[in-house]
Amino acid sequence: MELTIYTAAFLLVLSKFLDCWTTSLRITHLEQEKNPLARFLMRKIGIQTTIWFIFAFTTALVLLTVFSALAPHTGQAVQWAFVLLAAVISVVQFAVAYTNYYGKLNPITRFMLKRYKRWNG
């Protein structure tokens, strides 16, 4: 199980890095960012600062959750929940990186875009 948790964590960090890297490459103005929270932060602290702050924050959060998942008192249900959630989040982040890089929506980013539009009104 330990290897599975480390692999899930690696995929989380890799997919977030690719998301951040492709966002960093492609974004030229705030309106391109569809995530309202990220756009708010970009307005406050700058585009590149926000992108790499989010990457660092995510990486730290992943490390904390890995340590928690591997703690002696943690049951297998929690460990499997971490792995499954990490898999779902990684798929979404890989999909976002793909859309950022190629400029083409896929089913996941199309779904997310609809949700962001509803959130923004």
PDB file of N, CA and C in Angstrom:
ATOM      1  N   MET A   1       0.818  -1.199   0.000  1.00  0.00           N
ATOM      2  CA  MET A   1       0.000   0.000   0.000  1.00  0.00           C
ATOM      3  C   MET A   1       0.862   1.264   0.000  1.00  0.00           C
ATOM      4  N   GLU A   2       2.008   1.187   0.650  1.00  0.00           N
ATOM      5  CA  GLU A   2       2.895   2.343   0.721  1.00  0.00           C
ATOM      6  C   GLU A   2       3.308   2.821  -0.671  1.00  0.00           C
ATOM      7  N   LEU A   3       3.671   1.891  -1.543  1.00  0.00           N
ATOM      8  CA  LEU A   3       4.069   2.243  -2.906  1.00  0.00           C
ATOM      9  C   LEU A   3       2.902   2.871  -3.669  1.00  0.00           C
ATOM     10  N   THR A   4       1.712   2.369  -3.456  1.00  0.00           N
ATOM     11  CA  THR A   4       0.520   2.920  -4.111  1.00  0.00           C
ATOM     12  C   THR A   4       0.282   4.359  -3.671  1.00  0.00           C
ATOM     13  N   ILE A   5       0.455   4.633  -2.401  1.00  0.00           N
ATOM     14  CA  ILE A   5       0.281   5.994  -1.891  1.00  0.00           C
ATOM     15  C   ILE A   5       1.344   6.923  -2.466  1.00  0.00           C
ATOM     16  N   TYR A   6       2.590   6.465  -2.493  1.00  0.00           N
ATOM     17  CA  TYR A   6       3.658   7.293  -3.075  1.00  0.00           C
ATOM     18  C   TYR A   6       3.419   7.544  -4.564  1.00  0.00           C
ATOM     19  N   THR A   7       2.942   6.542  -5.268  1.00  0.00           N
ATOM     20  CA  THR A   7       2.655   6.709  -6.697  1.00  0.00           C
ATOM     21  C   THR A   7       1.523   7.711  -6.901  1.00  0.00           C
ATOM     22  N   ALA A   8       0.479   7.607  -6.096  1.00  0.00           N
ATOM     23  CA  ALA A   8      -0.633   8.555  -6.187  1.00  0.00           C
ATOM     24  C   ALA A   8      -0.160   9.976  -5.901  1.00  0.00           C
ATOM     25  N   ALA A   9       0.687  10.122  -4.901  1.00  0.00           N
ATOM     26  CA  ALA A   9       1.225  11.444  -4.562  1.00  0.00           C
ATOM     27  C   ALA A   9       2.087  11.986  -5.702  1.00  0.00           C
ATOM     28  N   PHE A  10       2.910  11.135  -6.282  1.00  0.00           N
ATOM     29  CA  PHE A  10       3.748  11.552  -7.410  1.00  0.00           C
ATOM     30  C   PHE A  10       2.881  12.042  -8.570  1.00  0.00           C
ATOM     31  N   LEU A  11       1.814  11.302  -8.875  1.00  0.00           N
ATOM     32  CA  LEU A  11       0.924  11.700  -9.968  1.00  0.00           C
ATOM     33  C   LEU A  11       0.208  13.014  -9.661  1.00  0.00           C
ATOM     34  N   LEU A  12      -0.145  13.223  -8.407  1.00  0.00           N
ATOM     35  CA  LEU A  12      -0.750  14.505  -8.023  1.00  0.00           C
ATOM     36  C   LEU A  12       0.202  15.669  -8.273  1.00  0.00           C
ATOM     37  N   VAL A  13       1.438  15.511  -7.822  1.00  0.00           N
ATOM     38  CA  VAL A  13       2.415  16.594  -7.975  1.00  0.00           C
ATOM     39  C   VAL A  13       2.774  16.786  -9.456  1.00  0.00           C
ATOM     40  N   LEU A  14       2.971  15.699 -10.179  1.00  0.00           N
ATOM     41  CA  LEU A  14       3.298  15.800 -11.608  1.00  0.00           C
ATOM     42  C   LEU A  14       2.165  16.467 -12.383  1.00  0.00           C
ATOM     43  N   SER A  15       0.944  16.041 -12.148  1.00  0.00           N
ATOM     44  CA  SER A  15      -0.181  16.626 -12.885  1.00  0.00           C
ATOM     45  C   SER A  15      -0.373  18.101 -12.519  1.00  0.00           C
ATOM     46  N   LYS A  16      -0.151  18.465 -11.259  1.00  0.00           N
ATOM     47  CA  LYS A  16      -0.259  19.874 -10.869  1.00  0.00           C
ATOM     48  C   LYS A  16       0.868  20.690 -11.490  1.00  0.00           C
ATOM     49  N   PHE A  17       2.083  20.106 -11.537  1.00  0.00           N
ATOM     50  CA  PHE A  17       3.186  20.811 -12.193  1.00  0.00           C
ATOM     51  C   PHE A  17       2.850  21.076 -13.663  1.00  0.00           C
ATOM     52  N   LEU A  18       2.351  20.067 -14.366  1.00  0.00           N
ATOM     53  CA  LEU A  18       2.020  20.247 -15.784  1.00  0.00           C
ATOM     54  C   LEU A  18       0.897  21.266 -15.962  1.00  0.00           C
ATOM     55  N   ASP A  19      -0.076  21.247 -15.081  1.00  0.00           N
ATOM     56  CA  ASP A  19      -1.146  22.243 -15.093  1.00  0.00           C
ATOM     57  C   ASP A  19      -0.557  23.639 -14.922  1.00  0.00           C
ATOM     58  N   CYS A  20       0.290  23.812 -13.919  1.00  0.00           N
ATOM     59  CA  CYS A  20       0.896  25.122 -13.649  1.00  0.00           C
ATOM     60  C   CYS A  20       1.838  25.554 -14.778  1.00  0.00           C
ATOM     61  N   TRP A  21       2.652  24.640 -15.241  1.00  0.00           N
ATOM     62  CA  TRP A  21       3.609  24.964 -16.308  1.00  0.00           C
ATOM     63  C   TRP A  21       2.888  25.392 -17.579  1.00  0.00           C
ATOM     64  N   THR A  22       1.859  24.629 -17.977  1.00  0.00           N
ATOM     65  CA  THR A  22       1.139  24.988 -19.201  1.00  0.00           C
ATOM     66  C   THR A  22       0.335  26.278 -19.012  1.00  0.00           C
ATOM     67  N   THR A  23      -0.184  26.505 -17.827  1.00  0.00           N
ATOM     68  CA  THR A  23      -0.860  27.775 -17.551  1.00  0.00           C
ATOM     69  C   THR A  23       0.149  28.917 -17.668  1.00  0.00           C
ATOM     70  N   SER A  24       1.316  28.720 -17.088  1.00  0.00           N
ATOM     71  CA  SER A  24       2.367  29.733 -17.130  1.00  0.00           C
ATOM     72  C   SER A  24       2.787  30.057 -18.564  1.00  0.00           C
ATOM     73  N   LEU A  25       2.844  29.048 -19.402  1.00  0.00           N
ATOM     74  CA  LEU A  25       3.236  29.247 -20.805  1.00  0.00           C
ATOM     75  C   LEU A  25       2.186  30.008 -21.603  1.00  0.00           C
ATOM     76  N   ARG A  26       0.926  29.717 -21.372  1.00  0.00           N
ATOM     77  CA  ARG A  26      -0.144  30.194 -22.250  1.00  0.00           C
ATOM     78  C   ARG A  26      -0.857  31.456 -21.796  1.00  0.00           C
ATOM     79  N   ILE A  27      -0.897  31.708 -20.498  1.00  0.00           N
ATOM     80  CA  ILE A  27      -1.711  32.825 -20.021  1.00  0.00           C
ATOM     81  C   ILE A  27      -1.021  34.162 -20.301  1.00  0.00           C
ATOM     82  N   THR A  28      -1.795  35.089 -20.851  1.00  0.00           N
ATOM     83  CA  THR A  28      -1.265  36.423 -21.109  1.00  0.00           C
ATOM     84  C   THR A  28      -2.074  37.509 -20.404  1.00  0.00           C
ATOM     85  N   HIS A  29      -3.325  37.187 -20.027  1.00  0.00           N
ATOM     86  CA  HIS A  29      -4.133  38.140 -19.258  1.00  0.00           C
ATOM     87  C   HIS A  29      -5.112  37.384 -18.367  1.00  0.00           C
ATOM     88  N   LEU A  30      -5.604  38.071 -17.357  1.00  0.00           N
ATOM     89  CA  LEU A  30      -6.424  37.456 -16.310  1.00  0.00           C
ATOM     90  C   LEU A  30      -7.689  36.780 -16.830  1.00  0.00           C
ATOM     91  N   GLU A  31      -8.295  37.328 -17.859  1.00  0.00           N
ATOM     92  CA  GLU A  31      -9.554  36.785 -18.348  1.00  0.00           C
ATOM     93  C   GLU A  31      -9.397  35.383 -18.929  1.00  0.00           C
ATOM     94  N   GLN A  32      -8.174  34.982 -19.226  1.00  0.00           N
ATOM     95  CA  GLN A  32      -7.948  33.626 -19.732  1.00  0.00           C
ATOM     96  C   GLN A  32      -8.102  32.590 -18.624  1.00  0.00           C
ATOM     97  N   GLU A  33      -7.893  32.989 -17.394  1.00  0.00           N
ATOM     98  CA  GLU A  33      -8.016  32.050 -16.275  1.00  0.00           C
ATOM     99  C   GLU A  33      -9.493  31.854 -15.951  1.00  0.00           C
ATOM    100  N   LYS A  34      -9.958  30.631 -16.054  1.00  0.00           N
ATOM    101  CA  LYS A  34     -11.382  30.347 -15.842  1.00  0.00           C
ATOM    102  C   LYS A  34     -11.720  30.053 -14.383  1.00  0.00           C
ATOM    103  N   ASN A  35     -10.737  29.656 -13.589  1.00  0.00           N
ATOM    104  CA  ASN A  35     -10.980  29.375 -12.178  1.00  0.00           C
ATOM    105  C   ASN A  35     -11.112  30.707 -11.437  1.00  0.00           C
ATOM    106  N   PRO A  36     -12.285  30.999 -10.883  1.00  0.00           N
ATOM    107  CA  PRO A  36     -12.493  32.301 -10.240  1.00  0.00           C
ATOM    108  C   PRO A  36     -11.553  32.573  -9.062  1.00  0.00           C
ATOM    109  N   LEU A  37     -11.266  31.563  -8.268  1.00  0.00           N
ATOM    110  CA  LEU A  37     -10.361  31.758  -7.134  1.00  0.00           C
ATOM    111  C   LEU A  37      -8.944  32.078  -7.620  1.00  0.00           C
ATOM    112  N   ALA A  38      -8.467  31.337  -8.595  1.00  0.00           N
ATOM    113  CA  ALA A  38      -7.127  31.604  -9.137  1.00  0.00           C
ATOM    114  C   ALA A  38      -7.076  32.991  -9.780  1.00  0.00           C
ATOM    115  N   ARG A  39      -8.133  33.353 -10.494  1.00  0.00           N
ATOM    116  CA  ARG A  39      -8.166  34.670 -11.133  1.00  0.00           C
ATOM    117  C   ARG A  39      -8.129  35.783 -10.089  1.00  0.00           C
ATOM    118  N   PHE A  40      -8.853  35.596  -8.983  1.00  0.00           N
ATOM    119  CA  PHE A  40      -8.836  36.570  -7.889  1.00  0.00           C
ATOM    120  C   PHE A  40      -7.416  36.730  -7.341  1.00  0.00           C
ATOM    121  N   LEU A  41      -6.750  35.591  -7.084  1.00  0.00           N
ATOM    122  CA  LEU A  41      -5.375  35.652  -6.565  1.00  0.00           C
ATOM    123  C   LEU A  41      -4.431  36.302  -7.572  1.00  0.00           C
ATOM    124  N   MET A  42      -4.612  35.987  -8.837  1.00  0.00           N
ATOM    125  CA  MET A  42      -3.765  36.590  -9.880  1.00  0.00           C
ATOM    126  C   MET A  42      -3.906  38.100  -9.897  1.00  0.00           C
ATOM    127  N   ARG A  43      -5.111  38.563  -9.684  1.00  0.00           N
ATOM    128  CA  ARG A  43      -5.351  40.006  -9.639  1.00  0.00           C
ATOM    129  C   ARG A  43      -4.635  40.632  -8.444  1.00  0.00           C
ATOM    130  N   LYS A  44      -4.594  39.906  -7.323  1.00  0.00           N
ATOM    131  CA  LYS A  44      -4.005  40.440  -6.088  1.00  0.00           C
ATOM    132  C   LYS A  44      -2.479  40.347  -6.055  1.00  0.00           C
ATOM    133  N   ILE A  45      -1.916  39.199  -6.472  1.00  0.00           N
ATOM    134  CA  ILE A  45      -0.465  39.008  -6.300  1.00  0.00           C
ATOM    135  C   ILE A  45       0.297  38.747  -7.599  1.00  0.00           C
ATOM    136  N   GLY A  46      -0.406  38.767  -8.726  1.00  0.00           N
ATOM    137  CA  GLY A  46       0.253  38.570 -10.008  1.00  0.00           C
ATOM    138  C   GLY A  46       0.034  37.167 -10.561  1.00  0.00           C
ATOM    139  N   ILE A  47       0.112  37.079 -11.866  1.00  0.00           N
ATOM    140  CA  ILE A  47      -0.182  35.817 -12.553  1.00  0.00           C
ATOM    141  C   ILE A  47       0.851  34.748 -12.214  1.00  0.00           C
ATOM    142  N   GLN A  48       2.120  35.017 -12.484  1.00  0.00           N
ATOM    143  CA  GLN A  48       3.150  33.997 -12.270  1.00  0.00           C
ATOM    144  C   GLN A  48       3.304  33.642 -10.788  1.00  0.00           C
ATOM    145  N   THR A  49       3.223  34.645  -9.932  1.00  0.00           N
ATOM    146  CA  THR A  49       3.322  34.392  -8.491  1.00  0.00           C
ATOM    147  C   THR A  49       2.202  33.464  -8.042  1.00  0.00           C
ATOM    148  N   THR A  50       0.993  33.707  -8.510  1.00  0.00           N
ATOM    149  CA  THR A  50      -0.149  32.867  -8.147  1.00  0.00           C
ATOM    150  C   THR A  50       0.040  31.443  -8.651  1.00  0.00           C
ATOM    151  N   ILE A  51       0.436  31.308  -9.903  1.00  0.00           N
ATOM    152  CA  ILE A  51       0.609  29.973 -10.492  1.00  0.00           C
ATOM    153  C   ILE A  51       1.571  29.143  -9.658  1.00  0.00           C
ATOM    154  N   TRP A  52       2.725  29.690  -9.344  1.00  0.00           N
ATOM    155  CA  TRP A  52       3.747  28.904  -8.648  1.00  0.00           C
ATOM    156  C   TRP A  52       3.494  28.816  -7.149  1.00  0.00           C
ATOM    157  N   PHE A  53       2.760  29.786  -6.597  1.00  0.00           N
ATOM    158  CA  PHE A  53       2.315  29.663  -5.210  1.00  0.00           C
ATOM    159  C   PHE A  53       1.348  28.482  -5.079  1.00  0.00           C
ATOM    160  N   ILE A  54       0.412  28.382  -6.009  1.00  0.00           N
ATOM    161  CA  ILE A  54      -0.548  27.278  -5.994  1.00  0.00           C
ATOM    162  C   ILE A  54       0.179  25.942  -6.131  1.00  0.00           C
ATOM    163  N   PHE A  55       1.200  25.884  -6.986  1.00  0.00           N
ATOM    164  CA  PHE A  55       1.967  24.642  -7.111  1.00  0.00           C
ATOM    165  C   PHE A  55       2.657  24.289  -5.791  1.00  0.00           C
ATOM    166  N   ALA A  56       3.309  25.267  -5.178  1.00  0.00           N
ATOM    167  CA  ALA A  56       4.006  25.017  -3.906  1.00  0.00           C
ATOM    168  C   ALA A  56       3.017  24.620  -2.811  1.00  0.00           C
ATOM    169  N   PHE A  57       1.897  25.299  -2.739  1.00  0.00           N
ATOM    170  CA  PHE A  57       0.873  24.991  -1.740  1.00  0.00           C
ATOM    171  C   PHE A  57       0.340  23.579  -1.940  1.00  0.00           C
ATOM    172  N   THR A  58       0.057  23.233  -3.180  1.00  0.00           N
ATOM    173  CA  THR A  58      -0.455  21.892  -3.496  1.00  0.00           C
ATOM    174  C   THR A  58       0.559  20.820  -3.130  1.00  0.00           C
ATOM    175  N   THR A  59       1.813  21.048  -3.455  1.00  0.00           N
ATOM    176  CA  THR A  59       2.865  20.085  -3.139  1.00  0.00           C
ATOM    177  C   THR A  59       2.976  19.887  -1.631  1.00  0.00           C
ATOM    178  N   ALA A  60       2.936  20.980  -0.877  1.00  0.00           N
ATOM    179  CA  ALA A  60       2.992  20.875   0.585  1.00  0.00           C
ATOM    180  C   ALA A  60       1.778  20.116   1.118  1.00  0.00           C
ATOM    181  N   LEU A  61       0.615  20.393   0.575  1.00  0.00           N
ATOM    182  CA  LEU A  61      -0.603  19.702   0.993  1.00  0.00           C
ATOM    183  C   LEU A  61      -0.526  18.204   0.686  1.00  0.00           C
ATOM    184  N   VAL A  62       0.007  17.864  -0.469  1.00  0.00           N
ATOM    185  CA  VAL A  62       0.179  16.451  -0.827  1.00  0.00           C
ATOM    186  C   VAL A  62       1.124  15.771   0.161  1.00  0.00           C
ATOM    187  N   LEU A  63       2.236  16.422   0.481  1.00  0.00           N
ATOM    188  CA  LEU A  63       3.177  15.834   1.438  1.00  0.00           C
ATOM    189  C   LEU A  63       2.519  15.597   2.796  1.00  0.00           C
ATOM    190  N   LEU A  64       1.759  16.569   3.264  1.00  0.00           N
ATOM    191  CA  LEU A  64       1.066  16.403   4.549  1.00  0.00           C
ATOM    192  C   LEU A  64       0.070  15.251   4.513  1.00  0.00           C
ATOM    193  N   THR A  65      -0.666  15.139   3.424  1.00  0.00           N
ATOM    194  CA  THR A  65      -1.648  14.061   3.349  1.00  0.00           C
ATOM    195  C   THR A  65      -0.983  12.700   3.193  1.00  0.00           C
ATOM    196  N   VAL A  66       0.165  12.650   2.537  1.00  0.00           N
ATOM    197  CA  VAL A  66       0.907  11.384   2.431  1.00  0.00           C
ATOM    198  C   VAL A  66       1.374  10.952   3.819  1.00  0.00           C
ATOM    199  N   PHE A  67       1.955  11.872   4.572  1.00  0.00           N
ATOM    200  CA  PHE A  67       2.395  11.532   5.928  1.00  0.00           C
ATOM    201  C   PHE A  67       1.216  11.067   6.778  1.00  0.00           C
ATOM    202  N   SER A  68       0.081  11.729   6.624  1.00  0.00           N
ATOM    203  CA  SER A  68      -1.109  11.343   7.368  1.00  0.00           C
ATOM    204  C   SER A  68      -1.616   9.968   6.934  1.00  0.00           C
ATOM    205  N   ALA A  69      -1.622   9.727   5.632  1.00  0.00           N
ATOM    206  CA  ALA A  69      -2.095   8.434   5.115  1.00  0.00           C
ATOM    207  C   ALA A  69      -1.188   7.288   5.540  1.00  0.00           C
ATOM    208  N   LEU A  70       0.095   7.583   5.738  1.00  0.00           N
ATOM    209  CA  LEU A  70       1.042   6.533   6.111  1.00  0.00           C
ATOM    210  C   LEU A  70       1.258   6.418   7.626  1.00  0.00           C
ATOM    211  N   ALA A  71       0.594   7.266   8.385  1.00  0.00           N
ATOM    212  CA  ALA A  71       0.736   7.214   9.839  1.00  0.00           C
ATOM    213  C   ALA A  71       0.231   5.862  10.356  1.00  0.00           C
ATOM    214  N   PRO A  72       0.846   5.379  11.433  1.00  0.00           N
ATOM    215  CA  PRO A  72       0.488   4.057  11.962  1.00  0.00           C
ATOM    216  C   PRO A  72      -0.990   3.891  12.336  1.00  0.00           C
ATOM    217  N   HIS A  73      -1.619   4.943  12.784  1.00  0.00           N
ATOM    218  CA  HIS A  73      -3.017   4.850  13.218  1.00  0.00           C
ATOM    219  C   HIS A  73      -4.025   4.909  12.071  1.00  0.00           C
ATOM    220  N   THR A  74      -3.552   5.194  10.861  1.00  0.00           N
ATOM    221  CA  THR A  74      -4.446   5.366   9.716  1.00  0.00           C
ATOM    222  C   THR A  74      -4.874   4.004   9.167  1.00  0.00           C
ATOM    223  N   GLY A  75      -6.159   3.848   9.005  1.00  0.00           N
ATOM    224  CA  GLY A  75      -6.694   2.593   8.488  1.00  0.00           C
ATOM    225  C   GLY A  75      -6.628   2.507   6.976  1.00  0.00           C
ATOM    226  N   GLN A  76      -6.866   1.319   6.478  1.00  0.00           N
ATOM    227  CA  GLN A  76      -6.810   1.109   5.031  1.00  0.00           C
ATOM    228  C   GLN A  76      -7.898   1.864   4.289  1.00  0.00           C
ATOM    229  N   ALA A  77      -9.037   2.084   4.916  1.00  0.00           N
ATOM    230  CA  ALA A  77     -10.105   2.826   4.249  1.00  0.00           C
ATOM    231  C   ALA A  77      -9.648   4.249   3.926  1.00  0.00           C
ATOM    232  N   VAL A  78      -8.962   4.877   4.859  1.00  0.00           N
ATOM    233  CA  VAL A  78      -8.449   6.229   4.639  1.00  0.00           C
ATOM    234  C   VAL A  78      -7.367   6.211   3.558  1.00  0.00           C
ATOM    235  N   GLN A  79      -6.520   5.217   3.589  1.00  0.00           N
ATOM    236  CA  GLN A  79      -5.460   5.112   2.586  1.00  0.00           C
ATOM    237  C   GLN A  79      -6.048   4.937   1.191  1.00  0.00           C
ATOM    238  N   TRP A  80      -7.048   4.076   1.055  1.00  0.00           N
ATOM    239  CA  TRP A  80      -7.681   3.887  -0.252  1.00  0.00           C
ATOM    240  C   TRP A  80      -8.439   5.134  -0.681  1.00  0.00           C
ATOM    241  N   ALA A  81      -9.026   5.839   0.251  1.00  0.00           N
ATOM    242  CA  ALA A  81      -9.709   7.094  -0.077  1.00  0.00           C
ATOM    243  C   ALA A  81      -8.709   8.104  -0.639  1.00  0.00           C
ATOM    244  N   PHE A  82      -7.515   8.173  -0.013  1.00  0.00           N
ATOM    245  CA  PHE A  82      -6.466   9.068  -0.523  1.00  0.00           C
ATOM    246  C   PHE A  82      -6.092   8.683  -1.952  1.00  0.00           C
ATOM    247  N   VAL A  83      -5.868   7.405  -2.186  1.00  0.00           N
ATOM    248  CA  VAL A  83      -5.457   6.942  -3.516  1.00  0.00           C
ATOM    249  C   VAL A  83      -6.532   7.238  -4.556  1.00  0.00           C
ATOM    250  N   LEU A  84      -7.787   6.949  -4.236  1.00  0.00           N
ATOM    251  CA  LEU A  84      -8.873   7.191  -5.192  1.00  0.00           C
ATOM    252  C   LEU A  84      -9.072   8.672  -5.466  1.00  0.00           C
ATOM    253  N   LEU A  85      -9.036   9.484  -4.425  1.00  0.00           N
ATOM    254  CA  LEU A  85      -9.174  10.922  -4.605  1.00  0.00           C
ATOM    255  C   LEU A  85      -7.989  11.486  -5.397  1.00  0.00           C
ATOM    256  N   ALA A  86      -6.800  11.002  -5.101  1.00  0.00           N
ATOM    257  CA  ALA A  86      -5.616  11.438  -5.842  1.00  0.00           C
ATOM    258  C   ALA A  86      -5.733  11.080  -7.318  1.00  0.00           C
ATOM    259  N   ALA A  87      -6.278   9.912  -7.613  1.00  0.00           N
ATOM    260  CA  ALA A  87      -6.451   9.491  -9.004  1.00  0.00           C
ATOM    261  C   ALA A  87      -7.418  10.416  -9.738  1.00  0.00           C
ATOM    262  N   VAL A  88      -8.541  10.725  -9.105  1.00  0.00           N
ATOM    263  CA  VAL A  88      -9.528  11.612  -9.730  1.00  0.00           C
ATOM    264  C   VAL A  88      -8.937  13.002  -9.956  1.00  0.00           C
ATOM    265  N   ILE A  89      -8.298  13.557  -8.941  1.00  0.00           N
ATOM    266  CA  ILE A  89      -7.708  14.891  -9.061  1.00  0.00           C
ATOM    267  C   ILE A  89      -6.617  14.903 -10.125  1.00  0.00           C
ATOM    268  N   SER A  90      -5.803  13.874 -10.174  1.00  0.00           N
ATOM    269  CA  SER A  90      -4.732  13.796 -11.178  1.00  0.00           C
ATOM    270  C   SER A  90      -5.299  13.780 -12.588  1.00  0.00           C
ATOM    271  N   VAL A  91      -6.351  13.009 -12.799  1.00  0.00           N
ATOM    272  CA  VAL A  91      -6.982  12.954 -14.127  1.00  0.00           C
ATOM    273  C   VAL A  91      -7.471  14.347 -14.530  1.00  0.00           C
ATOM    274  N   VAL A  92      -8.109  15.043 -13.603  1.00  0.00           N
ATOM    275  CA  VAL A  92      -8.605  16.393 -13.894  1.00  0.00           C
ATOM    276  C   VAL A  92      -7.434  17.328 -14.218  1.00  0.00           C
ATOM    277  N   GLN A  93      -6.381  17.267 -13.422  1.00  0.00           N
ATOM    278  CA  GLN A  93      -5.232  18.162 -13.650  1.00  0.00           C
ATOM    279  C   GLN A  93      -4.518  17.834 -14.963  1.00  0.00           C
ATOM    280  N   PHE A  94      -4.391  16.562 -15.303  1.00  0.00           N
ATOM    281  CA  PHE A  94      -3.817  16.198 -16.601  1.00  0.00           C
ATOM    282  C   PHE A  94      -4.697  16.723 -17.741  1.00  0.00           C
ATOM    283  N   ALA A  95      -6.021  16.649 -17.566  1.00  0.00           N
ATOM    284  CA  ALA A  95      -6.945  17.156 -18.586  1.00  0.00           C
ATOM    285  C   ALA A  95      -6.795  18.664 -18.760  1.00  0.00           C
ATOM    286  N   VAL A  96      -6.651  19.375 -17.653  1.00  0.00           N
ATOM    287  CA  VAL A  96      -6.456  20.828 -17.722  1.00  0.00           C
ATOM    288  C   VAL A  96      -5.129  21.155 -18.408  1.00  0.00           C
ATOM    289  N   ALA A  97      -4.082  20.434 -18.070  1.00  0.00           N
ATOM    290  CA  ALA A  97      -2.778  20.665 -18.711  1.00  0.00           C
ATOM    291  C   ALA A  97      -2.870  20.419 -20.216  1.00  0.00           C
ATOM    292  N   TYR A  98      -3.595  19.388 -20.617  1.00  0.00           N
ATOM    293  CA  TYR A  98      -3.778  19.090 -22.044  1.00  0.00           C
ATOM    294  C   TYR A  98      -4.485  20.256 -22.745  1.00  0.00           C
ATOM    295  N   THR A  99      -5.567  20.727 -22.125  1.00  0.00           N
ATOM    296  CA  THR A  99      -6.301  21.849 -22.712  1.00  0.00           C
ATOM    297  C   THR A  99      -5.434  23.101 -22.772  1.00  0.00           C
ATOM    298  N   ASN A 100      -4.696  23.368 -21.714  1.00  0.00           N
ATOM    299  CA  ASN A 100      -3.803  24.529 -21.719  1.00  0.00           C
ATOM    300  C   ASN A 100      -2.790  24.441 -22.850  1.00  0.00           C
ATOM    301  N   TYR A 101      -2.182  23.278 -23.001  1.00  0.00           N
ATOM    302  CA  TYR A 101      -1.090  23.115 -23.966  1.00  0.00           C
ATOM    303  C   TYR A 101      -1.587  23.135 -25.412  1.00  0.00           C
ATOM    304  N   TYR A 102      -2.652  22.387 -25.677  1.00  0.00           N
ATOM    305  CA  TYR A 102      -3.137  22.253 -27.049  1.00  0.00           C
ATOM    306  C   TYR A 102      -4.242  23.242 -27.404  1.00  0.00           C
ATOM    307  N   GLY A 103      -4.813  23.897 -26.407  1.00  0.00           N
ATOM    308  CA  GLY A 103      -5.870  24.862 -26.672  1.00  0.00           C
ATOM    309  C   GLY A 103      -7.185  24.223 -27.086  1.00  0.00           C
ATOM    310  N   LYS A 104      -7.355  22.950 -26.766  1.00  0.00           N
ATOM    311  CA  LYS A 104      -8.576  22.229 -27.145  1.00  0.00           C
ATOM    312  C   LYS A 104      -9.238  21.671 -25.895  1.00  0.00           C
ATOM    313  N   LEU A 105     -10.537  21.942 -25.775  1.00  0.00           N
ATOM    314  CA  LEU A 105     -11.282  21.391 -24.645  1.00  0.00           C
ATOM    315  C   LEU A 105     -11.410  19.880 -24.800  1.00  0.00           C
ATOM    316  N   ASN A 106     -11.491  19.197 -23.677  1.00  0.00           N
ATOM    317  CA  ASN A 106     -11.783  17.770 -23.647  1.00  0.00           C
ATOM    318  C   ASN A 106     -13.012  17.614 -22.759  1.00  0.00           C
ATOM    319  N   PRO A 107     -13.581  16.421 -22.653  1.00  0.00           N
ATOM    320  CA  PRO A 107     -14.816  16.288 -21.856  1.00  0.00           C
ATOM    321  C   PRO A 107     -14.695  16.803 -20.417  1.00  0.00           C
ATOM    322  N   ILE A 108     -13.549  16.628 -19.805  1.00  0.00           N
ATOM    323  CA  ILE A 108     -13.374  17.071 -18.415  1.00  0.00           C
ATOM    324  C   ILE A 108     -13.317  18.591 -18.335  1.00  0.00           C
ATOM    325  N   THR A 109     -12.526  19.213 -19.192  1.00  0.00           N
ATOM    326  CA  THR A 109     -12.416  20.676 -19.132  1.00  0.00           C
ATOM    327  C   THR A 109     -13.697  21.344 -19.624  1.00  0.00           C
ATOM    328  N   ARG A 110     -14.409  20.703 -20.530  1.00  0.00           N
ATOM    329  CA  ARG A 110     -15.700  21.237 -20.973  1.00  0.00           C
ATOM    330  C   ARG A 110     -16.687  21.243 -19.798  1.00  0.00           C
ATOM    331  N   PHE A 111     -16.717  20.151 -19.046  1.00  0.00           N
ATOM    332  CA  PHE A 111     -17.569  20.050 -17.858  1.00  0.00           C
ATOM    333  C   PHE A 111     -17.195  21.129 -16.835  1.00  0.00           C
ATOM    334  N   MET A 112     -15.893  21.279 -16.574  1.00  0.00           N
ATOM    335  CA  MET A 112     -15.439  22.284 -15.604  1.00  0.00           C
ATOM    336  C   MET A 112     -15.789  23.700 -16.060  1.00  0.00           C
ATOM    337  N   LEU A 113     -15.623  23.974 -17.336  1.00  0.00           N
ATOM    338  CA  LEU A 113     -15.918  25.303 -17.864  1.00  0.00           C
ATOM    339  C   LEU A 113     -17.390  25.656 -17.649  1.00  0.00           C
ATOM    340  N   LYS A 114     -18.276  24.685 -17.838  1.00  0.00           N
ATOM    341  CA  LYS A 114     -19.702  24.927 -17.594  1.00  0.00           C
ATOM    342  C   LYS A 114     -19.941  25.283 -16.131  1.00  0.00           C
ATOM    343  N   ARG A 115     -19.257  24.605 -15.221  1.00  0.00           N
ATOM    344  CA  ARG A 115     -19.420  24.878 -13.793  1.00  0.00           C
ATOM    345  C   ARG A 115     -18.887  26.266 -13.442  1.00  0.00           C
ATOM    346  N   TYR A 116     -17.749  26.635 -14.006  1.00  0.00           N
ATOM    347  CA  TYR A 116     -17.195  27.964 -13.744  1.00  0.00           C
ATOM    348  C   TYR A 116     -18.115  29.054 -14.258  1.00  0.00           C
ATOM    349  N   LYS A 117     -18.722  28.830 -15.407  1.00  0.00           N
ATOM    350  CA  LYS A 117     -19.657  29.828 -15.958  1.00  0.00           C
ATOM    351  C   LYS A 117     -20.868  30.002 -15.050  1.00  0.00           C
ATOM    352  N   ARG A 118     -21.350  28.899 -14.483  1.00  0.00           N
ATOM    353  CA  ARG A 118     -22.475  28.997 -13.550  1.00  0.00           C
ATOM    354  C   ARG A 118     -22.064  29.749 -12.296  1.00  0.00           C
ATOM    355  N   TRP A 119     -20.857  29.454 -11.810  1.00  0.00           N
ATOM    356  CA  TRP A 119     -20.354  30.082 -10.591  1.00  0.00           C
ATOM    357  C   TRP A 119     -20.195  31.587 -10.784  1.00  0.00           C
ATOM    358  N   ASN A 120     -19.745  31.986 -11.976  1.00  0.00           N
ATOM    359  CA  ASN A 120     -19.508  33.406 -12.262  1.00  0.00           C
ATOM    360  C   ASN A 120     -20.790  34.141 -12.647  1.00  0.00           C
ATOM    361  N   GLY A 121     -21.835  33.398 -12.888  1.00  0.00           N
ATOM    362  CA  GLY A 121     -23.133  34.029 -13.206  1.00  0.00           C
ATOM    363  C   GLY A 121     -23.344  34.217 -14.611  1.00  0.00           C
TER     364      GLY A 121
END
